[in-house]
Protein backbone atom coordinates (compact mmCIF):
# COMPACT_ATOMS: atom_id res chain seq x y z
CA MET A 1 124.64 104.28 224.41
CA LYS A 2 123.60 103.45 227.95
CA GLN A 3 120.34 101.60 228.42
CA THR A 4 117.91 102.66 231.15
CA ASP A 5 116.30 100.17 233.53
CA LYS A 6 112.99 100.79 231.78
CA GLU A 7 114.50 99.92 228.38
CA ILE A 8 116.21 96.84 229.80
CA ASN A 9 113.03 95.56 231.45
CA ALA A 10 110.96 96.21 228.33
CA MET A 11 113.35 94.29 226.08
CA VAL A 12 113.86 91.41 228.51
CA ALA A 13 110.06 90.91 228.47
CA GLN A 14 110.08 90.36 224.69
CA THR A 15 110.21 87.02 222.86
CA SER A 16 113.53 85.62 221.70
CA ASP A 17 112.64 86.47 218.08
CA VAL A 18 111.98 90.11 218.95
CA ARG A 19 115.20 90.27 220.98
CA TYR A 20 117.08 88.72 218.03
CA ASP A 21 115.83 91.30 215.52
CA TYR A 22 116.51 94.10 218.00
CA SER A 23 120.02 92.76 218.62
CA LEU A 24 120.87 92.64 214.92
CA LYS A 25 119.83 96.27 214.49
CA ARG A 26 121.69 97.51 217.57
CA ILE A 27 124.84 95.49 216.80
CA ALA A 28 124.84 96.98 213.30
CA ASP A 29 124.21 100.48 214.75
CA ASN A 30 127.13 100.23 217.17
CA ASP A 31 129.47 98.09 215.03
CA SER A 32 130.01 95.85 218.06
CA LEU A 33 128.47 93.21 220.29
CA TRP A 34 128.95 92.13 223.89
CA CYS A 35 129.89 88.74 225.28
CA LEU A 36 131.19 87.31 228.56
CA SER A 37 134.73 86.63 229.64
CA SER A 38 136.32 85.10 232.71
CA GLU A 39 138.87 86.96 234.77
CA GLU A 40 141.50 85.08 232.76
CA ASP A 41 140.21 86.67 229.52
CA VAL A 42 138.70 83.41 228.28
CA TYR A 43 135.39 83.77 226.45
CA MET A 44 132.53 82.14 228.31
CA PHE A 45 130.19 79.61 226.74
CA ILE A 46 126.92 78.01 227.78
CA GLN A 47 126.65 74.23 227.70
CA GLU A 48 123.10 73.06 227.02
CA LYS A 49 122.15 69.45 226.25
CA GLY A 50 125.55 68.70 224.75
CA VAL A 51 125.62 71.86 222.64
CA ARG A 52 128.02 74.72 223.29
CA LEU A 53 126.58 78.19 222.85
CA PHE A 54 128.34 81.54 222.57
CA PRO A 55 126.07 84.13 224.21
CA ILE A 56 125.98 87.66 222.79
CA TRP A 57 124.07 90.87 223.48
CA PRO A 58 123.77 94.25 221.76
CA PHE A 59 124.65 96.26 224.89
CA LYS A 60 126.75 95.80 228.01
CA GLU A 61 123.76 96.39 230.28
CA TYR A 62 121.94 93.32 228.96
CA ALA A 63 125.00 91.11 229.39
CA GLY A 64 125.46 92.51 232.89
CA GLN A 65 121.82 91.81 233.74
CA TYR A 66 122.31 88.20 232.61
CA LEU A 67 125.32 87.85 234.93
CA LEU A 68 123.29 89.25 237.83
CA THR A 69 120.38 86.92 237.08
CA LEU A 70 122.68 83.88 237.19
CA GLY A 71 124.78 85.18 240.08
CA PHE A 72 128.01 85.18 238.05
CA GLU A 73 128.79 88.90 238.31
CA LYS A 74 131.88 88.24 240.47
CA ASP A 75 133.30 85.52 238.21
CA CYS A 76 132.73 87.04 234.77
CA ARG A 77 132.85 90.37 233.04
CA CYS A 78 131.23 91.86 229.97
CA VAL A 79 133.49 92.32 226.95
CA GLU A 80 132.83 94.38 223.84
CA ILE A 81 133.87 92.90 220.50
CA GLY A 82 133.92 94.92 217.30
CA ILE A 83 132.19 93.36 214.31
CA GLU A 84 135.49 93.23 212.42
CA LYS A 85 137.21 91.29 215.21
CA PHE A 86 134.19 89.03 215.58
CA THR A 87 134.17 88.29 211.85
CA ASN A 88 137.93 87.89 211.43
CA GLU A 89 138.79 86.02 214.61
CA ILE A 90 135.86 84.54 216.48
CA VAL A 91 133.63 83.22 213.68
CA ASP A 92 136.26 80.71 212.52
CA TYR A 93 136.80 79.45 216.06
CA LEU A 94 133.07 78.99 216.61
CA CYS A 95 132.62 77.19 213.29
CA ASP A 96 135.68 74.96 213.77
CA ASN A 97 134.42 73.90 217.20
CA GLY A 98 130.73 73.42 216.35
CA ILE A 99 129.62 76.24 218.64
CA GLN A 100 126.31 77.97 217.97
CA ILE A 101 125.35 81.50 218.92
CA CYS A 102 122.64 82.34 221.41
CA VAL A 103 121.51 85.90 220.92
CA PHE A 104 120.30 87.85 223.95
CA PRO A 105 119.85 85.10 226.56
CA ILE A 106 118.10 86.33 229.70
CA SER A 107 118.11 83.38 232.11
CA HIS A 108 119.15 79.76 232.60
CA ILE A 109 115.90 78.69 230.93
CA ASP A 110 115.70 81.32 228.16
CA TYR A 111 118.85 81.21 226.05
CA GLY A 112 117.52 83.68 223.51
CA LYS A 113 117.43 82.76 219.85
CA ILE A 114 119.90 79.98 219.06
CA VAL A 115 121.32 80.15 215.55
CA SER A 116 124.25 78.79 213.62
CA VAL A 117 127.22 81.07 213.11
CA ASN A 118 126.43 81.20 209.38
CA THR A 119 122.81 82.22 209.99
CA PHE A 120 123.86 84.97 212.38
CA ALA A 121 126.55 86.22 209.98
CA GLU A 122 124.09 86.28 207.07
CA ASP A 123 121.39 88.06 209.09
CA LEU A 124 123.90 90.61 210.38
CA SER A 125 125.23 91.17 206.88
CA VAL A 126 121.72 91.95 205.64
CA GLU A 127 121.25 94.39 208.51
CA LEU A 128 124.62 96.05 207.86
CA GLU A 129 123.60 96.68 204.25
CA ASN A 130 121.09 99.18 205.63
CA TYR A 131 124.03 101.27 206.87
CA ILE A 132 125.93 101.53 203.61
């Protein structure tokens, strides 16, 4: 599902809590999320005040807009991850390394809603129950 510029601008203007709830619903809808990767296929993280954050978005367009905002569009790319892969492979890595998730960051000063991996997994699980 491709997002229009109007949709992107409307969602970017929302609070981090609204973007979080929206992201949970859309990630559940699409059974996937988007993150950033370097050209070497290494997942990208944000370092903020000694805390490492794993940024995610519900659609490629939002992740791409973030790259444009920061000027990283030449160094990074948007990568789709299925919920199953995220749950089975990435969650353990994030937990083992003390990395939190930032959902729908939009700039270098608005990292979106920052949550623990467990909180995100629980919230997503509740949302996924609506699709059973």
